[in-house]
Amino acid sequence: MFDGFWENVLRYFRYFITTLLGVLLNAFAPLAPLFKRPVTSIAVLGFFAGALVFITLTLRAMLGLSTI
């Protein structure tokens, strides 16, 4: 009944990892040319940092965690 159970579990885990890597590579591949110039790379990094701060503050406010 459980013949090859862990092999099957590992197969699904590898499938999940490869799918996740494929999605990330396809999502960030169009941004690669923007990192060739310093001005656009700073702008892209600033956008990502701002988005991360925005999401963090929004979730903290929604969950009622300690205010800043």
N, C-alpha and C. Protein backbone atom coordinates (compact mmCIF):
# COMPACT_ATOMS: atom_id res chain seq x y z
N MET A 1 0.82 -1.19 0.00
CA MET A 1 0.00 0.00 0.00
C MET A 1 0.86 1.25 0.00
N PHE A 2 1.93 1.26 0.80
CA PHE A 2 2.78 2.45 0.89
C PHE A 2 4.10 2.26 0.15
N ASP A 3 4.09 1.47 -0.86
CA ASP A 3 5.31 1.27 -1.64
C ASP A 3 5.66 2.56 -2.39
N GLY A 4 6.85 3.07 -2.15
CA GLY A 4 7.30 4.27 -2.83
C GLY A 4 6.64 5.54 -2.37
N PHE A 5 6.12 5.55 -1.15
CA PHE A 5 5.41 6.74 -0.66
C PHE A 5 6.34 7.94 -0.58
N TRP A 6 7.52 7.76 0.05
CA TRP A 6 8.43 8.89 0.23
C TRP A 6 9.03 9.33 -1.09
N GLU A 7 9.22 8.41 -2.01
CA GLU A 7 9.70 8.79 -3.35
C GLU A 7 8.67 9.69 -4.03
N ASN A 8 7.41 9.36 -3.86
CA ASN A 8 6.35 10.17 -4.45
C ASN A 8 6.27 11.54 -3.80
N VAL A 9 6.43 11.59 -2.48
CA VAL A 9 6.42 12.86 -1.77
C VAL A 9 7.57 13.74 -2.24
N LEU A 10 8.76 13.17 -2.37
CA LEU A 10 9.90 13.94 -2.87
C LEU A 10 9.71 14.40 -4.30
N ARG A 11 9.04 13.60 -5.09
CA ARG A 11 8.78 13.99 -6.47
C ARG A 11 7.88 15.22 -6.52
N TYR A 12 6.86 15.27 -5.68
CA TYR A 12 5.99 16.45 -5.64
C TYR A 12 6.72 17.67 -5.10
N PHE A 13 7.61 17.47 -4.13
CA PHE A 13 8.39 18.58 -3.61
C PHE A 13 9.31 19.15 -4.68
N ARG A 14 9.97 18.28 -5.44
CA ARG A 14 10.82 18.77 -6.53
C ARG A 14 10.00 19.48 -7.60
N TYR A 15 8.81 18.99 -7.89
CA TYR A 15 7.93 19.65 -8.85
C TYR A 15 7.55 21.04 -8.36
N PHE A 16 7.24 21.17 -7.07
CA PHE A 16 6.89 22.46 -6.50
C PHE A 16 8.06 23.44 -6.60
N ILE A 17 9.26 23.00 -6.28
CA ILE A 17 10.43 23.87 -6.33
C ILE A 17 10.72 24.31 -7.76
N THR A 18 10.67 23.40 -8.71
CA THR A 18 10.96 23.77 -10.10
C THR A 18 9.88 24.69 -10.65
N THR A 19 8.64 24.47 -10.28
CA THR A 19 7.57 25.36 -10.73
C THR A 19 7.74 26.75 -10.15
N LEU A 20 8.08 26.83 -8.86
CA LEU A 20 8.30 28.11 -8.21
C LEU A 20 9.47 28.85 -8.84
N LEU A 21 10.56 28.16 -9.11
CA LEU A 21 11.72 28.80 -9.76
C LEU A 21 11.38 29.28 -11.16
N GLY A 22 10.60 28.50 -11.89
CA GLY A 22 10.20 28.91 -13.23
C GLY A 22 9.34 30.17 -13.21
N VAL A 23 8.43 30.25 -12.27
CA VAL A 23 7.57 31.43 -12.16
C VAL A 23 8.41 32.65 -11.80
N LEU A 24 9.34 32.49 -10.84
CA LEU A 24 10.18 33.62 -10.44
C LEU A 24 11.09 34.08 -11.57
N LEU A 25 11.67 33.14 -12.29
CA LEU A 25 12.54 33.53 -13.41
C LEU A 25 11.77 34.25 -14.50
N ASN A 26 10.56 33.78 -14.80
CA ASN A 26 9.75 34.45 -15.82
C ASN A 26 9.22 35.79 -15.35
N ALA A 27 9.04 35.96 -14.04
CA ALA A 27 8.55 37.23 -13.53
C ALA A 27 9.64 38.28 -13.51
N PHE A 28 10.88 37.88 -13.18
CA PHE A 28 11.95 38.85 -13.04
C PHE A 28 12.84 38.98 -14.27
N ALA A 29 12.66 38.16 -15.28
CA ALA A 29 13.46 38.26 -16.50
C ALA A 29 13.27 39.60 -17.22
N PRO A 30 12.05 40.13 -17.30
CA PRO A 30 11.89 41.43 -17.96
C PRO A 30 12.57 42.58 -17.21
N LEU A 31 12.85 42.41 -15.93
CA LEU A 31 13.49 43.46 -15.14
C LEU A 31 15.01 43.45 -15.28
N ALA A 32 15.57 42.41 -15.82
CA ALA A 32 17.03 42.28 -15.91
C ALA A 32 17.67 43.43 -16.71
N PRO A 33 17.11 43.87 -17.83
CA PRO A 33 17.74 44.99 -18.54
C PRO A 33 17.73 46.30 -17.74
N LEU A 34 16.82 46.44 -16.81
CA LEU A 34 16.77 47.67 -16.03
C LEU A 34 17.94 47.80 -15.06
N PHE A 35 18.58 46.69 -14.73
CA PHE A 35 19.69 46.72 -13.79
C PHE A 35 21.03 47.02 -14.47
N LYS A 36 21.02 47.28 -15.76
CA LYS A 36 22.27 47.58 -16.47
C LYS A 36 22.70 49.04 -16.28
N ARG A 37 21.75 49.91 -16.03
CA ARG A 37 22.07 51.32 -15.78
C ARG A 37 21.87 51.61 -14.31
N PRO A 38 22.78 52.35 -13.70
CA PRO A 38 22.67 52.61 -12.25
C PRO A 38 21.41 53.37 -11.85
N VAL A 39 20.97 54.29 -12.69
CA VAL A 39 19.80 55.11 -12.33
C VAL A 39 18.55 54.24 -12.27
N THR A 40 18.35 53.40 -13.27
CA THR A 40 17.15 52.57 -13.27
C THR A 40 17.24 51.47 -12.22
N SER A 41 18.44 50.98 -11.94
CA SER A 41 18.56 49.94 -10.90
C SER A 41 18.22 50.51 -9.53
N ILE A 42 18.64 51.74 -9.26
CA ILE A 42 18.29 52.38 -7.99
C ILE A 42 16.78 52.61 -7.91
N ALA A 43 16.17 53.00 -9.03
CA ALA A 43 14.73 53.21 -9.05
C ALA A 43 13.97 51.91 -8.82
N VAL A 44 14.41 50.83 -9.44
CA VAL A 44 13.73 49.54 -9.27
C VAL A 44 13.89 49.04 -7.84
N LEU A 45 15.09 49.14 -7.28
CA LEU A 45 15.31 48.72 -5.91
C LEU A 45 14.51 49.58 -4.93
N GLY A 46 14.42 50.88 -5.21
CA GLY A 46 13.60 51.76 -4.38
C GLY A 46 12.13 51.40 -4.45
N PHE A 47 11.67 51.04 -5.64
CA PHE A 47 10.28 50.62 -5.79
C PHE A 47 10.00 49.36 -4.99
N PHE A 48 10.90 48.37 -5.06
CA PHE A 48 10.71 47.13 -4.31
C PHE A 48 10.76 47.38 -2.81
N ALA A 49 11.67 48.23 -2.37
CA ALA A 49 11.75 48.55 -0.93
C ALA A 49 10.49 49.27 -0.48
N GLY A 50 10.01 50.21 -1.28
CA GLY A 50 8.79 50.93 -0.94
C GLY A 50 7.58 50.01 -0.91
N ALA A 51 7.51 49.08 -1.85
CA ALA A 51 6.40 48.13 -1.87
C ALA A 51 6.44 47.23 -0.64
N LEU A 52 7.64 46.81 -0.24
CA LEU A 52 7.79 45.96 0.94
C LEU A 52 7.37 46.71 2.20
N VAL A 53 7.77 47.97 2.33
CA VAL A 53 7.37 48.78 3.49
C VAL A 53 5.87 49.01 3.49
N PHE A 54 5.30 49.28 2.32
CA PHE A 54 3.86 49.50 2.22
C PHE A 54 3.08 48.26 2.64
N ILE A 55 3.48 47.10 2.15
CA ILE A 55 2.79 45.86 2.51
C ILE A 55 2.94 45.57 4.00
N THR A 56 4.15 45.80 4.54
CA THR A 56 4.38 45.55 5.96
C THR A 56 3.50 46.45 6.82
N LEU A 57 3.47 47.73 6.52
CA LEU A 57 2.66 48.65 7.31
C LEU A 57 1.17 48.37 7.16
N THR A 58 0.74 48.01 5.97
CA THR A 58 -0.67 47.69 5.75
C THR A 58 -1.08 46.46 6.55
N LEU A 59 -0.26 45.42 6.51
CA LEU A 59 -0.60 44.20 7.25
C LEU A 59 -0.56 44.43 8.76
N ARG A 60 0.39 45.23 9.22
CA ARG A 60 0.44 45.53 10.66
C ARG A 60 -0.81 46.28 11.09
N ALA A 61 -1.27 47.21 10.26
CA ALA A 61 -2.47 47.97 10.60
C ALA A 61 -3.72 47.08 10.55
N MET A 62 -3.78 46.20 9.57
CA MET A 62 -4.94 45.32 9.45
C MET A 62 -5.01 44.31 10.57
N LEU A 63 -3.86 43.83 11.03
CA LEU A 63 -3.83 42.80 12.07
C LEU A 63 -3.84 43.40 13.48
N GLY A 64 -3.72 44.71 13.57
CA GLY A 64 -3.74 45.36 14.88
C GLY A 64 -2.50 45.14 15.68
N LEU A 65 -1.38 44.99 15.03
CA LEU A 65 -0.11 44.82 15.73
C LEU A 65 0.35 46.17 16.24
N SER A 66 1.47 46.20 16.95
CA SER A 66 1.94 47.44 17.56
C SER A 66 2.12 48.54 16.51
N THR A 67 1.67 49.73 16.86
CA THR A 67 1.77 50.86 15.95
C THR A 67 3.17 51.47 16.03
N ILE A 68 3.51 52.14 14.96
CA ILE A 68 4.83 52.78 14.90
C ILE A 68 4.67 54.26 15.19
